[in-house]
Amino acid sequence: MCLRNLKNGNGLMSKRIIRDPKVMNLIAESLTGTTDDYFIGNCEWNDGTRSDMVLEPKSAHSDLPPLVLEIQHTVNLVSMKRAVSYCLQAFTRYDIEPIILIICVEKMHQDIYKHMKPSTLPGVFSYFSQPWAENCYVISKESIKNNMTIPLDPMVALGAFFTSSSPSLSNHPFKDDPTIQYLYTSSLFQQQIETVNKDTPLKLIDLQLMEYDRLKTLASSLEQPVFEETINDAKLRTLTIKRKYEDSFTPPAPASSTASKVNKNNDTYKAAMEFVVGFKQKKVEQKKRMDWVACLKEGEDLKILNYKNSESLRRQFYKYMKGNAEQTNSNSN
């Protein structure tokens, strides 16, 4: 079995890998020298943006810094400004300067690369982070290339895994390294779980549809039109459920690809997003977590929001906030 390509730097698979408890401890130990002292914290920031992973110290009285992790296909000026924003918000939340680790999967722009310095960690670059973070570390093809000695340092192995184009362990140049072996095994396990979670309900639904067809044939042979119509209605409801389930695994199309999508430049869209901003702000003031289901319900009641489900609303809002942040950065240059 082969892995799907992880080199987009944005896939759920990449995020699931770094959330594996052993991988999480590997990262925390390398960055702070401690083990089993962190747990996965809230990755959502107050401005609506979201980091790939945030690790919080288990003890509220610890002087350990929060850890912010980002997996980026391309590291450029825009992504680094986004990293600065995450760290400033982490400082506001935890009142201690964070450490951020950025894994550059594919390309690092020259205007960023020229400022990289070797760090005390093998295979890891250091980027100037005063005064917005305790440390900013970057792993890339360039940072690990002179540290490829088996057994690989765990951080070098992490970089070699994410930057490799090998779809399977057997094709990886460091297939005998124990950390590389674990990362591939964990990834395949996550991929299998994802496949089972998606395919098993579909198989059960298809079996149910076949059963409806058998019952319709029986009803027809018995000349029971009311029974046949009832079965047909049940089948149509099941087909609707199947379609919605399949849609939940389909990434949303870009807004410009279809006329049915809301135009991001129109007043309706902006009003909807401003409503969500206000709803989130109220939750922050109440010191409560964002409730996307309640937000969607309230917005629907006010005839402001019209989304398939709360997850669709959440994704659209993050795109809106990131678009605003990138526009702000562009205007400031």
Protein backbone atom coordinates (compact mmCIF):
# COMPACT_ATOMS: atom_id res chain seq x y z
CA MET A 1 0.00 0.00 0.00
CA CYS A 2 1.30 3.45 -0.90
CA LEU A 3 0.81 6.81 0.71
CA ARG A 4 -1.08 9.55 -1.02
CA ASN A 5 1.17 12.50 -1.78
CA LEU A 6 1.83 14.54 1.36
CA LYS A 7 3.67 17.30 -0.45
CA ASN A 8 0.75 19.68 -0.64
CA GLY A 9 1.57 20.71 2.91
CA ASN A 10 -2.10 21.37 3.65
CA GLY A 11 -3.69 17.92 3.77
CA LEU A 12 -5.46 16.47 6.75
CA MET A 13 -3.07 13.53 6.52
CA SER A 14 -0.05 15.74 7.31
CA LYS A 15 -1.81 17.18 10.34
CA ARG A 16 -2.83 13.75 11.59
CA ILE A 17 0.77 12.58 11.40
CA ILE A 18 2.13 15.34 13.63
CA ARG A 19 -0.75 14.70 16.07
CA ASP A 20 0.39 11.12 16.58
CA PRO A 21 1.40 10.94 20.30
CA LYS A 22 4.86 9.54 19.57
CA VAL A 23 5.54 12.14 16.85
CA MET A 24 4.21 14.88 19.11
CA ASN A 25 6.59 13.81 21.89
CA LEU A 26 9.45 13.57 19.41
CA ILE A 27 8.91 17.19 18.45
CA ALA A 28 8.43 18.45 22.00
CA GLU A 29 11.52 16.64 23.27
CA SER A 30 13.65 18.04 20.46
CA LEU A 31 12.44 21.60 21.02
CA THR A 32 12.29 21.70 24.82
CA GLY A 33 14.20 18.66 26.12
CA THR A 34 11.13 17.30 27.93
CA THR A 35 8.82 14.35 27.33
CA ASP A 36 5.12 13.86 28.10
CA ASP A 37 4.77 17.45 29.29
CA TYR A 38 2.52 18.72 26.48
CA PHE A 39 -0.98 18.16 25.15
CA ILE A 40 -2.72 19.39 21.99
CA GLY A 41 -4.25 22.79 22.67
CA ASN A 42 -6.71 25.02 20.85
CA CYS A 43 -5.36 25.63 17.33
CA GLU A 44 -7.84 28.42 16.58
CA TRP A 45 -6.76 32.01 17.20
CA ASN A 46 -8.94 34.96 18.12
CA ASP A 47 -8.76 36.49 14.63
CA GLY A 48 -10.25 33.33 13.06
CA THR A 49 -6.99 31.94 11.69
CA ARG A 50 -5.82 28.48 12.64
CA SER A 51 -2.44 26.80 13.15
CA ASP A 52 -1.78 23.20 12.15
CA MET A 53 -1.02 22.27 15.76
CA VAL A 54 -0.52 24.05 19.07
CA LEU A 55 1.01 22.20 22.03
CA GLU A 56 0.32 23.50 25.53
CA PRO A 57 2.26 22.55 28.69
CA LYS A 58 0.21 20.17 30.83
CA SER A 59 0.99 22.15 33.95
CA ALA A 60 -0.40 25.66 34.18
CA HIS A 61 2.49 26.52 36.52
CA SER A 62 5.17 25.33 34.11
CA ASP A 63 7.61 27.78 32.54
CA LEU A 64 7.63 25.70 29.34
CA PRO A 65 6.71 27.71 26.23
CA PRO A 66 3.74 26.84 24.01
CA LEU A 67 4.75 25.18 20.75
CA VAL A 68 3.25 26.23 17.42
CA LEU A 69 3.66 23.87 14.45
CA GLU A 70 3.09 24.68 10.80
CA ILE A 71 3.44 22.47 7.70
CA GLN A 72 3.92 24.64 4.62
CA HIS A 73 4.28 23.60 0.99
CA THR A 74 6.06 26.91 0.29
CA VAL A 75 7.73 29.19 2.80
CA ASN A 76 7.68 32.79 1.61
CA LEU A 77 7.18 36.28 2.99
CA VAL A 78 3.41 35.87 3.33
CA SER A 79 3.65 32.58 5.24
CA MET A 80 6.31 34.01 7.57
CA LYS A 81 4.12 37.02 8.34
CA ARG A 82 1.35 34.58 9.14
CA ALA A 83 3.73 32.74 11.48
CA VAL A 84 4.54 36.01 13.26
CA SER A 85 0.81 36.64 13.72
CA TYR A 86 0.30 33.17 15.23
CA CYS A 87 3.15 33.71 17.69
CA LEU A 88 1.91 37.13 18.78
CA GLN A 89 -1.51 35.66 19.44
CA ALA A 90 0.07 32.75 21.31
CA PHE A 91 1.88 35.24 23.54
CA THR A 92 -1.41 37.05 24.22
CA ARG A 93 -3.08 33.76 25.15
CA TYR A 94 -0.32 32.15 27.24
CA ASP A 95 1.67 35.20 28.42
CA ILE A 96 4.92 33.52 27.40
CA GLU A 97 6.82 33.68 24.13
CA PRO A 98 6.20 30.54 22.04
CA ILE A 99 8.51 28.38 19.99
CA ILE A 100 7.36 27.88 16.41
CA LEU A 101 8.46 25.02 14.15
CA ILE A 102 7.79 25.33 10.42
CA ILE A 103 8.21 22.29 8.16
CA CYS A 104 8.81 23.42 4.60
CA VAL A 105 7.66 20.55 2.42
CA GLU A 106 8.71 21.80 -1.00
CA LYS A 107 10.08 25.30 -1.65
CA MET A 108 11.65 28.11 0.34
CA HIS A 109 11.82 31.51 -1.32
CA GLN A 110 15.22 33.14 -1.55
CA ASP A 111 14.13 36.26 0.36
CA ILE A 112 13.49 33.99 3.36
CA TYR A 113 16.29 31.49 2.82
CA LYS A 114 18.98 34.20 2.87
CA HIS A 115 18.09 35.00 6.49
CA MET A 116 18.27 31.39 7.71
CA LYS A 117 21.01 30.47 10.19
CA PRO A 118 22.14 27.10 11.56
CA SER A 119 20.56 26.29 14.92
CA THR A 120 21.71 24.15 17.82
CA LEU A 121 19.31 21.44 16.60
CA PRO A 122 20.67 19.06 13.93
CA GLY A 123 19.10 19.62 10.51
CA VAL A 124 17.08 22.63 11.65
CA PHE A 125 17.43 26.28 10.59
CA SER A 126 16.88 29.22 12.89
CA TYR A 127 15.09 32.37 11.72
CA PHE A 128 15.30 35.74 13.44
CA SER A 129 12.42 35.83 15.94
CA GLN A 130 13.11 38.71 18.31
CA PRO A 131 10.81 39.88 19.83
CA TRP A 132 7.83 37.84 18.58
CA ALA A 133 8.93 34.32 19.61
CA GLU A 134 11.45 32.56 21.79
CA ASN A 135 12.67 30.68 18.72
CA CYS A 136 11.57 30.18 15.14
CA TYR A 137 12.82 26.90 13.69
CA VAL A 138 12.48 25.77 10.08
CA ILE A 139 13.02 22.27 8.67
CA SER A 140 13.52 22.01 4.92
CA LYS A 141 15.40 20.06 2.27
CA GLU A 142 18.21 22.58 2.60
CA SER A 143 18.42 22.29 6.39
CA ILE A 144 18.67 18.48 6.53
CA LYS A 145 20.91 17.77 3.55
CA ASN A 146 24.17 17.76 5.55
CA ASN A 147 22.80 15.66 8.42
CA MET A 148 21.77 12.48 6.61
CA THR A 149 23.59 9.89 8.73
CA ILE A 150 21.78 6.80 10.01
CA PRO A 151 20.39 6.67 12.60
CA LEU A 152 18.84 9.98 11.65
CA ASP A 153 18.26 12.58 14.32
CA PRO A 154 14.47 12.59 14.94
CA MET A 155 14.03 16.10 13.54
CA VAL A 156 16.10 15.23 10.48
CA ALA A 157 13.95 12.12 10.01
CA LEU A 158 10.82 14.25 10.26
CA GLY A 159 12.18 16.53 7.55
CA ALA A 160 13.30 13.62 5.38
CA PHE A 161 9.81 12.13 5.62
CA PHE A 162 7.86 15.26 4.72
CA THR A 163 10.20 16.45 1.96
CA SER A 164 10.54 13.05 0.30
CA SER A 165 8.53 12.18 -2.81
CA SER A 166 8.72 8.44 -1.99
CA PRO A 167 5.16 7.05 -1.90
CA SER A 168 6.22 3.98 0.08
CA LEU A 169 8.80 3.03 2.68
CA SER A 170 10.53 0.61 0.29
CA ASN A 171 11.38 3.52 -2.02
CA HIS A 172 12.65 5.87 0.67
CA PRO A 173 16.45 6.35 0.71
CA PHE A 174 16.46 5.94 4.52
CA LYS A 175 14.01 3.08 4.79
CA ASP A 176 16.13 1.36 7.47
CA ASP A 177 15.93 4.29 9.88
CA PRO A 178 13.56 3.51 12.80
CA THR A 179 11.96 6.96 12.88
CA ILE A 180 11.30 6.90 9.13
CA GLN A 181 9.80 3.43 9.52
CA TYR A 182 7.50 4.63 12.30
CA LEU A 183 6.35 7.69 10.33
CA TYR A 184 5.42 5.57 7.31
CA THR A 185 3.67 2.99 9.48
CA SER A 186 1.71 5.68 11.30
CA SER A 187 0.77 7.34 8.02
CA LEU A 188 -0.48 4.12 6.47
CA PHE A 189 -2.52 3.40 9.58
CA GLN A 190 -4.11 6.86 9.41
CA GLN A 191 -4.82 6.37 5.72
CA GLN A 192 -6.46 3.00 6.34
CA ILE A 193 -8.62 4.43 9.13
CA GLU A 194 -9.73 7.25 6.83
CA THR A 195 -10.61 4.77 4.09
CA VAL A 196 -12.57 2.54 6.48
CA ASN A 197 -14.40 5.52 7.97
CA LYS A 198 -15.48 6.63 4.52
CA ASP A 199 -16.16 3.35 2.72
CA THR A 200 -17.85 1.22 5.39
CA PRO A 201 -21.02 3.36 5.71
CA LEU A 202 -21.24 3.58 1.89
CA LYS A 203 -21.16 -0.21 1.61
CA LEU A 204 -23.93 -0.51 4.20
CA ILE A 205 -26.02 2.10 2.37
CA ASP A 206 -25.56 0.26 -0.94
CA LEU A 207 -26.69 -2.99 0.71
CA GLN A 208 -29.78 -1.18 2.00
CA LEU A 209 -30.54 0.13 -1.49
CA MET A 210 -30.28 -3.39 -2.90
CA GLU A 211 -32.72 -4.57 -0.24
CA TYR A 212 -35.19 -1.85 -1.25
CA ASP A 213 -34.98 -3.06 -4.87
CA ARG A 214 -35.80 -6.61 -3.76
CA LEU A 215 -38.75 -5.38 -1.69
CA LYS A 216 -40.04 -3.32 -4.63
CA THR A 217 -39.95 -6.39 -6.84
CA LEU A 218 -41.84 -8.35 -4.21
CA ALA A 219 -44.44 -5.59 -3.75
CA SER A 220 -44.94 -5.38 -7.50
CA SER A 221 -45.44 -9.15 -7.81
CA LEU A 222 -48.02 -9.03 -5.01
CA GLU A 223 -49.74 -6.07 -6.68
CA GLN A 224 -49.35 -3.86 -3.65
CA PRO A 225 -48.89 -0.32 -5.16
CA VAL A 226 -49.09 1.48 -1.79
CA PHE A 227 -46.38 -0.77 -0.35
CA GLU A 228 -44.28 -0.26 -3.50
CA GLU A 229 -44.63 3.53 -3.27
CA THR A 230 -43.60 3.49 0.41
CA ILE A 231 -40.49 1.47 -0.43
CA ASN A 232 -39.63 3.86 -3.26
CA ASP A 233 -39.93 6.86 -0.90
CA ALA A 234 -37.62 5.14 1.60
CA LYS A 235 -35.11 4.45 -1.18
CA LEU A 236 -35.13 8.10 -2.27
CA ARG A 237 -34.45 9.21 1.30
CA THR A 238 -31.55 6.79 1.52
CA LEU A 239 -30.13 8.05 -1.78
CA THR A 240 -30.27 11.59 -0.39
CA ILE A 241 -28.38 10.48 2.71
CA LYS A 242 -25.77 8.77 0.52
CA ARG A 243 -25.26 11.89 -1.60
CA LYS A 244 -24.83 14.11 1.45
CA TYR A 245 -22.37 11.65 2.98
CA GLU A 246 -20.30 11.55 -0.21
CA ASP A 247 -20.36 15.35 -0.40
CA SER A 248 -18.88 15.54 3.10
CA PHE A 249 -15.67 13.93 1.75
CA THR A 250 -15.50 16.19 -1.30
CA PRO A 251 -13.43 19.40 -0.92
CA PRO A 252 -15.51 22.50 -1.65
CA ALA A 253 -15.02 23.90 -5.14
CA PRO A 254 -13.49 27.37 -5.48
CA ALA A 255 -16.11 30.10 -5.27
CA SER A 256 -15.45 31.18 -8.86
CA SER A 257 -16.02 27.68 -10.30
CA THR A 258 -19.81 27.72 -10.09
CA ALA A 259 -22.58 30.27 -10.16
CA SER A 260 -24.22 28.61 -7.15
CA LYS A 261 -21.38 29.66 -4.88
CA VAL A 262 -21.62 32.98 -3.11
CA ASN A 263 -19.59 35.75 -4.76
CA LYS A 264 -16.98 36.76 -2.22
CA ASN A 265 -17.12 40.37 -3.36
CA ASN A 266 -20.82 40.96 -2.86
CA ASP A 267 -22.50 42.60 0.11
CA THR A 268 -24.33 39.43 1.16
CA TYR A 269 -21.12 37.49 1.63
CA LYS A 270 -19.43 40.31 3.54
CA ALA A 271 -22.45 40.72 5.80
CA ALA A 272 -22.40 36.98 6.53
CA MET A 273 -18.71 37.00 7.44
CA GLU A 274 -19.09 40.14 9.57
CA PHE A 275 -21.91 38.39 11.44
CA VAL A 276 -19.55 35.47 12.21
CA VAL A 277 -16.82 37.91 13.33
CA GLY A 278 -19.29 39.46 15.76
CA PHE A 279 -20.50 36.07 16.99
CA LYS A 280 -16.90 34.92 17.65
CA GLN A 281 -16.08 38.16 19.44
CA LYS A 282 -19.01 37.65 21.80
CA LYS A 283 -17.70 34.16 22.61
CA VAL A 284 -14.24 35.60 23.31
CA GLU A 285 -15.71 38.22 25.64
CA GLN A 286 -17.68 35.48 27.41
CA LYS A 287 -14.48 33.39 27.58
CA LYS A 288 -16.21 30.58 25.73
CA ARG A 289 -15.13 28.49 22.76
CA MET A 290 -16.58 29.16 19.34
CA ASP A 291 -19.80 27.20 18.69
CA TRP A 292 -20.14 26.87 14.91
CA VAL A 293 -23.44 24.99 15.12
CA ALA A 294 -25.03 27.73 17.23
CA CYS A 295 -23.54 30.40 14.97
CA LEU A 296 -25.05 28.80 11.88
CA LYS A 297 -28.44 28.38 13.58
CA GLU A 298 -28.57 32.01 14.72
CA GLY A 299 -27.44 33.23 11.30
CA GLU A 300 -30.07 31.11 9.56
CA ASP A 301 -32.78 32.44 11.87
CA LEU A 302 -31.73 35.99 10.95
CA LYS A 303 -31.64 35.08 7.23
CA ILE A 304 -27.93 36.03 7.11
CA LEU A 305 -26.26 32.62 6.71
CA ASN A 306 -27.05 29.92 4.18
CA TYR A 307 -24.53 27.08 4.36
CA LYS A 308 -24.84 23.32 4.03
CA ASN A 309 -23.53 22.71 7.56
CA SER A 310 -21.43 24.28 10.31
CA GLU A 311 -18.20 22.79 8.90
CA SER A 312 -18.80 24.50 5.54
CA LEU A 313 -19.32 27.78 7.36
CA ARG A 314 -16.15 27.31 9.39
CA ARG A 315 -14.04 26.58 6.30
CA GLN A 316 -15.46 29.56 4.43
CA PHE A 317 -14.82 31.88 7.37
CA TYR A 318 -11.17 30.83 7.66
CA LYS A 319 -10.69 31.45 3.93
CA TYR A 320 -12.23 34.87 4.38
CA MET A 321 -9.96 35.74 7.33
CA LYS A 322 -6.83 34.46 5.58
CA GLY A 323 -7.75 36.42 2.48
CA ASN A 324 -8.12 39.57 4.56
CA ALA A 325 -4.81 38.94 6.32
CA GLU A 326 -2.97 38.42 3.02
CA GLN A 327 -4.58 41.55 1.58
CA THR A 328 -3.49 43.54 4.63
CA ASN A 329 0.06 42.23 4.30
CA SER A 330 0.08 43.06 0.60
CA ASN A 331 -1.10 46.62 1.25
CA SER A 332 1.55 47.13 3.91
CA ASN A 333 4.41 46.24 1.55
